């Protein structure tokens, strides 16, 4: 697993973009539709991802794994998955809880090649 993003669910993507970009000085790295924007944070390769389609889930890390479906198959009996594997533009995505009920998001880049 490699940390790629800090995910920050937001209620208003436009207002949040203004805050992180204009107030804090983060630069927009990319966006996916009208719901997800990644921002480059100074001094790190990890990006901040703001999105308004996971309201109700707390912020947390998004880790890149080799294969989300394999990870799910190997861990579905011992981890609590909040979202089972699903397709998103760059690949497959899932969310599970750690032992303190923090969410951990995982992504593979199978469609990004």
N, C-alpha and C. Protein backbone atom coordinates (compact mmCIF):
# COMPACT_ATOMS: atom_id res chain seq x y z
N UNK A 1 0.83 -1.18 0.00
CA UNK A 1 0.00 0.00 0.00
C UNK A 1 0.88 1.24 0.00
N UNK A 2 0.46 2.20 -0.81
CA UNK A 2 1.18 3.47 -0.85
C UNK A 2 0.15 4.60 -0.72
N UNK A 3 0.37 5.48 0.24
CA UNK A 3 -0.52 6.61 0.43
C UNK A 3 -0.42 7.55 -0.78
N UNK A 4 -1.56 7.82 -1.41
CA UNK A 4 -1.59 8.70 -2.57
C UNK A 4 -2.37 9.98 -2.31
N UNK A 5 -3.44 9.87 -1.52
CA UNK A 5 -4.32 11.01 -1.29
C UNK A 5 -4.77 11.07 0.15
N UNK A 6 -5.02 12.27 0.62
CA UNK A 6 -5.81 12.49 1.82
C UNK A 6 -7.18 12.92 1.30
N UNK A 7 -8.20 12.17 1.64
CA UNK A 7 -9.55 12.44 1.14
C UNK A 7 -10.30 13.28 2.15
N UNK A 8 -10.86 14.37 1.67
CA UNK A 8 -11.63 15.28 2.51
C UNK A 8 -13.02 15.43 1.90
N UNK A 9 -14.02 14.70 2.43
CA UNK A 9 -15.39 14.92 1.94
C UNK A 9 -15.85 16.34 2.28
N UNK A 10 -16.48 16.99 1.32
CA UNK A 10 -16.93 18.37 1.51
C UNK A 10 -18.39 18.50 1.08
N UNK A 11 -19.07 19.47 1.65
CA UNK A 11 -20.47 19.69 1.30
C UNK A 11 -20.62 20.54 0.05
N UNK A 12 -19.71 21.47 -0.18
CA UNK A 12 -19.80 22.35 -1.33
C UNK A 12 -18.44 22.39 -2.02
N UNK A 13 -18.34 21.70 -3.15
CA UNK A 13 -17.06 21.55 -3.83
C UNK A 13 -16.50 22.90 -4.31
N UNK A 14 -17.36 23.79 -4.79
CA UNK A 14 -16.89 25.08 -5.29
C UNK A 14 -16.33 25.95 -4.16
N UNK A 15 -17.04 26.03 -3.06
CA UNK A 15 -16.56 26.81 -1.92
C UNK A 15 -15.29 26.19 -1.33
N UNK A 16 -15.26 24.87 -1.27
CA UNK A 16 -14.08 24.18 -0.74
C UNK A 16 -12.86 24.40 -1.62
N UNK A 17 -13.05 24.37 -2.94
CA UNK A 17 -11.94 24.64 -3.85
C UNK A 17 -11.40 26.04 -3.62
N UNK A 18 -12.29 27.02 -3.49
CA UNK A 18 -11.83 28.39 -3.21
C UNK A 18 -11.00 28.44 -1.93
N UNK A 19 -11.47 27.74 -0.90
CA UNK A 19 -10.75 27.75 0.37
C UNK A 19 -9.36 27.15 0.23
N UNK A 20 -9.30 25.93 -0.28
CA UNK A 20 -8.00 25.23 -0.35
C UNK A 20 -7.05 25.88 -1.36
N UNK A 21 -7.60 26.35 -2.47
CA UNK A 21 -6.75 26.95 -3.51
C UNK A 21 -6.40 28.39 -3.14
N UNK A 22 -7.41 29.21 -2.89
CA UNK A 22 -7.18 30.64 -2.72
C UNK A 22 -6.70 31.01 -1.31
N UNK A 23 -7.24 30.34 -0.31
CA UNK A 23 -6.87 30.66 1.08
C UNK A 23 -5.56 29.96 1.48
N UNK A 24 -5.45 28.66 1.15
CA UNK A 24 -4.27 27.90 1.59
C UNK A 24 -3.18 27.78 0.54
N UNK A 25 -3.49 28.14 -0.71
CA UNK A 25 -2.47 28.16 -1.75
C UNK A 25 -2.18 26.83 -2.42
N UNK A 26 -3.05 25.83 -2.24
CA UNK A 26 -2.85 24.55 -2.92
C UNK A 26 -3.18 24.72 -4.40
N UNK A 27 -2.46 24.01 -5.25
CA UNK A 27 -2.69 24.09 -6.69
C UNK A 27 -3.52 22.92 -7.16
N UNK A 28 -4.47 23.20 -8.06
CA UNK A 28 -5.30 22.13 -8.60
C UNK A 28 -4.44 21.21 -9.46
N UNK A 29 -4.52 19.90 -9.19
CA UNK A 29 -3.75 18.91 -9.94
C UNK A 29 -4.60 18.28 -11.04
N UNK A 30 -5.84 17.93 -10.73
CA UNK A 30 -6.77 17.35 -11.69
C UNK A 30 -8.17 17.34 -11.09
N UNK A 31 -9.15 17.04 -11.92
CA UNK A 31 -10.52 16.89 -11.44
C UNK A 31 -11.21 15.80 -12.22
N UNK A 32 -12.19 15.19 -11.57
CA UNK A 32 -13.00 14.15 -12.18
C UNK A 32 -14.45 14.61 -12.10
N UNK A 33 -14.99 15.03 -13.23
CA UNK A 33 -16.36 15.50 -13.27
C UNK A 33 -16.56 16.71 -12.37
N UNK A 34 -17.74 16.80 -11.79
CA UNK A 34 -18.08 17.93 -10.92
C UNK A 34 -18.01 17.57 -9.44
N UNK A 35 -17.48 16.37 -9.13
CA UNK A 35 -17.55 15.89 -7.74
C UNK A 35 -16.21 15.70 -7.06
N UNK A 36 -15.12 15.66 -7.82
CA UNK A 36 -13.82 15.33 -7.23
C UNK A 36 -12.74 16.24 -7.80
N UNK A 37 -11.95 16.85 -6.90
CA UNK A 37 -10.83 17.69 -7.31
C UNK A 37 -9.62 17.31 -6.45
N UNK A 38 -8.48 17.09 -7.10
CA UNK A 38 -7.24 16.83 -6.37
C UNK A 38 -6.40 18.09 -6.35
N UNK A 39 -5.78 18.33 -5.22
CA UNK A 39 -4.96 19.53 -5.03
C UNK A 39 -3.56 19.12 -4.59
N UNK A 40 -2.57 19.73 -5.22
CA UNK A 40 -1.19 19.47 -4.84
C UNK A 40 -0.85 20.29 -3.61
N UNK A 41 -0.36 19.62 -2.59
CA UNK A 41 0.04 20.29 -1.37
C UNK A 41 1.55 20.52 -1.40
N UNK A 42 2.00 21.64 -0.94
CA UNK A 42 3.44 21.94 -0.97
C UNK A 42 4.26 20.93 -0.16
N UNK A 43 5.39 20.52 -0.72
CA UNK A 43 6.34 19.71 0.02
C UNK A 43 6.04 18.22 0.10
N UNK A 44 5.05 17.74 -0.66
CA UNK A 44 4.73 16.32 -0.60
C UNK A 44 4.16 15.85 -1.94
N UNK A 45 4.33 14.56 -2.22
CA UNK A 45 3.71 13.97 -3.40
C UNK A 45 2.26 13.57 -3.14
N UNK A 46 1.87 13.51 -1.87
CA UNK A 46 0.50 13.16 -1.51
C UNK A 46 -0.40 14.35 -1.85
N UNK A 47 -1.51 14.07 -2.50
CA UNK A 47 -2.44 15.13 -2.87
C UNK A 47 -3.64 15.12 -1.94
N UNK A 48 -4.29 16.27 -1.81
CA UNK A 48 -5.54 16.39 -1.09
C UNK A 48 -6.66 16.23 -2.10
N UNK A 49 -7.56 15.30 -1.86
CA UNK A 49 -8.69 15.09 -2.75
C UNK A 49 -9.94 15.56 -2.04
N UNK A 50 -10.60 16.56 -2.60
CA UNK A 50 -11.87 17.00 -2.05
C UNK A 50 -12.97 16.45 -2.95
N UNK A 51 -14.04 15.97 -2.33
CA UNK A 51 -15.14 15.41 -3.11
C UNK A 51 -16.44 15.57 -2.35
N UNK A 52 -17.51 15.71 -3.11
CA UNK A 52 -18.80 15.92 -2.48
C UNK A 52 -19.75 14.74 -2.68
N UNK A 53 -19.22 13.59 -3.04
CA UNK A 53 -20.11 12.43 -3.23
C UNK A 53 -19.95 11.36 -2.15
N UNK A 54 -19.19 11.64 -1.10
CA UNK A 54 -19.07 10.71 0.02
C UNK A 54 -19.40 11.42 1.33
N UNK A 55 -20.37 12.32 1.28
CA UNK A 55 -20.81 13.00 2.50
C UNK A 55 -21.28 11.94 3.49
N UNK A 56 -20.91 12.09 4.73
CA UNK A 56 -21.27 11.10 5.75
C UNK A 56 -20.11 10.19 6.10
N UNK A 57 -19.14 10.09 5.21
CA UNK A 57 -17.92 9.33 5.52
C UNK A 57 -16.86 10.31 5.99
N UNK A 58 -16.07 9.93 6.98
CA UNK A 58 -15.04 10.84 7.48
C UNK A 58 -13.86 10.94 6.52
N UNK A 59 -13.01 11.94 6.73
CA UNK A 59 -11.79 12.03 5.94
C UNK A 59 -10.86 10.88 6.28
N UNK A 60 -9.90 10.67 5.40
CA UNK A 60 -8.91 9.63 5.65
C UNK A 60 -7.99 9.44 4.47
N UNK A 61 -7.10 8.49 4.58
CA UNK A 61 -6.15 8.22 3.53
C UNK A 61 -6.73 7.36 2.43
N UNK A 62 -6.22 7.55 1.23
CA UNK A 62 -6.52 6.68 0.10
C UNK A 62 -5.20 6.07 -0.34
N UNK A 63 -5.15 4.75 -0.32
CA UNK A 63 -3.92 4.01 -0.60
C UNK A 63 -4.04 3.27 -1.92
N UNK A 64 -2.99 3.31 -2.71
CA UNK A 64 -2.94 2.55 -3.95
C UNK A 64 -2.46 1.14 -3.63
N UNK A 65 -3.20 0.15 -4.14
CA UNK A 65 -2.82 -1.25 -4.01
C UNK A 65 -2.72 -1.83 -5.42
N UNK A 66 -2.09 -2.99 -5.54
CA UNK A 66 -1.93 -3.61 -6.85
C UNK A 66 -3.28 -4.04 -7.44
N UNK A 67 -4.14 -4.61 -6.59
CA UNK A 67 -5.40 -5.16 -7.09
C UNK A 67 -6.45 -5.13 -5.98
N UNK A 68 -7.44 -4.26 -6.14
CA UNK A 68 -8.48 -4.11 -5.12
C UNK A 68 -9.28 -5.39 -4.96
N UNK A 69 -9.62 -6.04 -6.06
CA UNK A 69 -10.42 -7.27 -5.96
C UNK A 69 -9.67 -8.37 -5.21
N UNK A 70 -8.39 -8.49 -5.46
CA UNK A 70 -7.58 -9.49 -4.75
C UNK A 70 -7.51 -9.13 -3.26
N UNK A 71 -7.27 -7.85 -2.95
CA UNK A 71 -7.23 -7.41 -1.56
C UNK A 71 -8.55 -7.72 -0.86
N UNK A 72 -9.65 -7.43 -1.53
CA UNK A 72 -10.98 -7.71 -0.97
C UNK A 72 -11.16 -9.20 -0.72
N UNK A 73 -10.83 -10.02 -1.70
CA UNK A 73 -10.99 -11.47 -1.57
C UNK A 73 -10.17 -12.02 -0.41
N UNK A 74 -8.96 -11.50 -0.23
CA UNK A 74 -8.08 -11.98 0.83
C UNK A 74 -8.46 -11.47 2.22
N UNK A 75 -9.26 -10.40 2.29
CA UNK A 75 -9.53 -9.75 3.58
C UNK A 75 -11.01 -9.59 3.93
N UNK A 76 -11.92 -10.03 3.08
CA UNK A 76 -13.34 -9.79 3.31
C UNK A 76 -13.87 -10.47 4.56
N UNK A 77 -13.22 -11.52 5.02
CA UNK A 77 -13.68 -12.22 6.22
C UNK A 77 -13.11 -11.63 7.51
N UNK A 78 -12.10 -10.77 7.39
CA UNK A 78 -11.47 -10.22 8.59
C UNK A 78 -11.57 -8.70 8.70
N UNK A 79 -11.95 -8.02 7.61
CA UNK A 79 -12.12 -6.57 7.62
C UNK A 79 -13.58 -6.23 7.38
N UNK A 80 -14.01 -5.09 7.88
CA UNK A 80 -15.37 -4.62 7.63
C UNK A 80 -15.33 -3.62 6.48
N UNK A 81 -15.89 -4.01 5.35
CA UNK A 81 -15.91 -3.15 4.18
C UNK A 81 -17.14 -2.26 4.19
N UNK A 82 -16.91 -0.96 4.07
CA UNK A 82 -17.97 0.04 3.99
C UNK A 82 -18.50 0.11 2.55
N UNK A 83 -17.58 0.01 1.59
CA UNK A 83 -17.91 -0.07 0.17
C UNK A 83 -17.12 -1.22 -0.42
N UNK A 84 -17.84 -2.16 -1.01
CA UNK A 84 -17.16 -3.26 -1.69
C UNK A 84 -16.59 -2.76 -3.01
N UNK A 85 -15.68 -3.52 -3.61
CA UNK A 85 -15.02 -3.06 -4.84
C UNK A 85 -16.02 -2.59 -5.90
N UNK A 86 -15.66 -1.46 -6.49
CA UNK A 86 -16.49 -0.87 -7.54
C UNK A 86 -15.59 -0.20 -8.56
N UNK A 87 -16.12 0.01 -9.76
CA UNK A 87 -15.37 0.69 -10.81
C UNK A 87 -15.43 2.20 -10.62
N UNK A 88 -14.30 2.85 -10.79
CA UNK A 88 -14.22 4.30 -10.93
C UNK A 88 -13.25 4.54 -12.09
N UNK A 89 -13.20 5.74 -12.65
CA UNK A 89 -12.42 5.93 -13.88
C UNK A 89 -10.99 5.36 -13.88
N UNK A 90 -10.16 5.56 -12.84
CA UNK A 90 -8.81 5.01 -12.98
C UNK A 90 -8.69 3.51 -12.69
N UNK A 91 -9.72 2.88 -12.09
CA UNK A 91 -9.59 1.45 -11.77
C UNK A 91 -10.69 0.98 -10.84
N UNK A 92 -10.29 0.26 -9.80
CA UNK A 92 -11.24 -0.29 -8.82
C UNK A 92 -11.00 0.39 -7.48
N UNK A 93 -12.08 0.47 -6.67
CA UNK A 93 -12.07 1.27 -5.45
C UNK A 93 -12.88 0.55 -4.39
N UNK A 94 -12.44 0.62 -3.15
CA UNK A 94 -13.19 0.05 -2.03
C UNK A 94 -12.82 0.82 -0.76
N UNK A 95 -13.65 0.66 0.26
CA UNK A 95 -13.40 1.30 1.55
C UNK A 95 -13.65 0.28 2.65
N UNK A 96 -12.74 0.24 3.63
CA UNK A 96 -12.95 -0.61 4.80
C UNK A 96 -12.61 0.17 6.06
N UNK A 97 -13.01 -0.36 7.21
CA UNK A 97 -12.73 0.26 8.50
C UNK A 97 -11.52 -0.39 9.15
N UNK A 98 -10.75 0.43 9.88
CA UNK A 98 -9.70 -0.13 10.71
C UNK A 98 -10.31 -0.51 12.06
N UNK A 99 -9.51 -0.92 13.01
CA UNK A 99 -10.03 -1.40 14.29
C UNK A 99 -10.65 -0.30 15.14
N UNK A 100 -10.43 0.97 14.77
CA UNK A 100 -11.04 2.09 15.49
C UNK A 100 -12.17 2.72 14.69
N UNK A 101 -12.63 2.04 13.66
CA UNK A 101 -13.69 2.51 12.76
C UNK A 101 -13.31 3.72 11.92
N UNK A 102 -12.02 3.94 11.72
CA UNK A 102 -11.57 4.93 10.74
C UNK A 102 -11.68 4.30 9.36
N UNK A 103 -12.03 5.10 8.35
CA UNK A 103 -12.13 4.53 7.01
C UNK A 103 -10.77 4.55 6.33
N UNK A 104 -10.52 3.49 5.60
CA UNK A 104 -9.33 3.37 4.77
C UNK A 104 -9.81 3.08 3.36
N UNK A 105 -9.45 3.97 2.45
CA UNK A 105 -9.85 3.83 1.05
C UNK A 105 -8.70 3.19 0.29
N UNK A 106 -9.04 2.27 -0.63
CA UNK A 106 -8.02 1.67 -1.48
C UNK A 106 -8.44 1.80 -2.94
N UNK A 107 -7.44 1.88 -3.78
CA UNK A 107 -7.65 2.09 -5.22
C UNK A 107 -6.57 1.32 -5.96
N UNK A 108 -6.95 0.72 -7.08
CA UNK A 108 -5.94 0.24 -8.00
C UNK A 108 -6.08 1.05 -9.29
N UNK A 109 -5.05 1.06 -10.06
CA UNK A 109 -5.02 1.89 -11.28
C UNK A 109 -5.12 1.02 -12.52
N UNK A 110 -5.97 0.01 -12.48
CA UNK A 110 -6.07 -0.94 -13.59
C UNK A 110 -6.62 -0.32 -14.86
N UNK A 111 -7.37 0.76 -14.79
CA UNK A 111 -7.91 1.40 -15.99
C UNK A 111 -7.12 2.63 -16.38
N UNK A 112 -6.02 2.90 -15.71
CA UNK A 112 -5.24 4.10 -15.92
C UNK A 112 -3.97 3.81 -16.74
N UNK A 113 -3.98 2.71 -17.45
CA UNK A 113 -2.75 2.32 -18.18
C UNK A 113 -2.94 2.47 -19.65
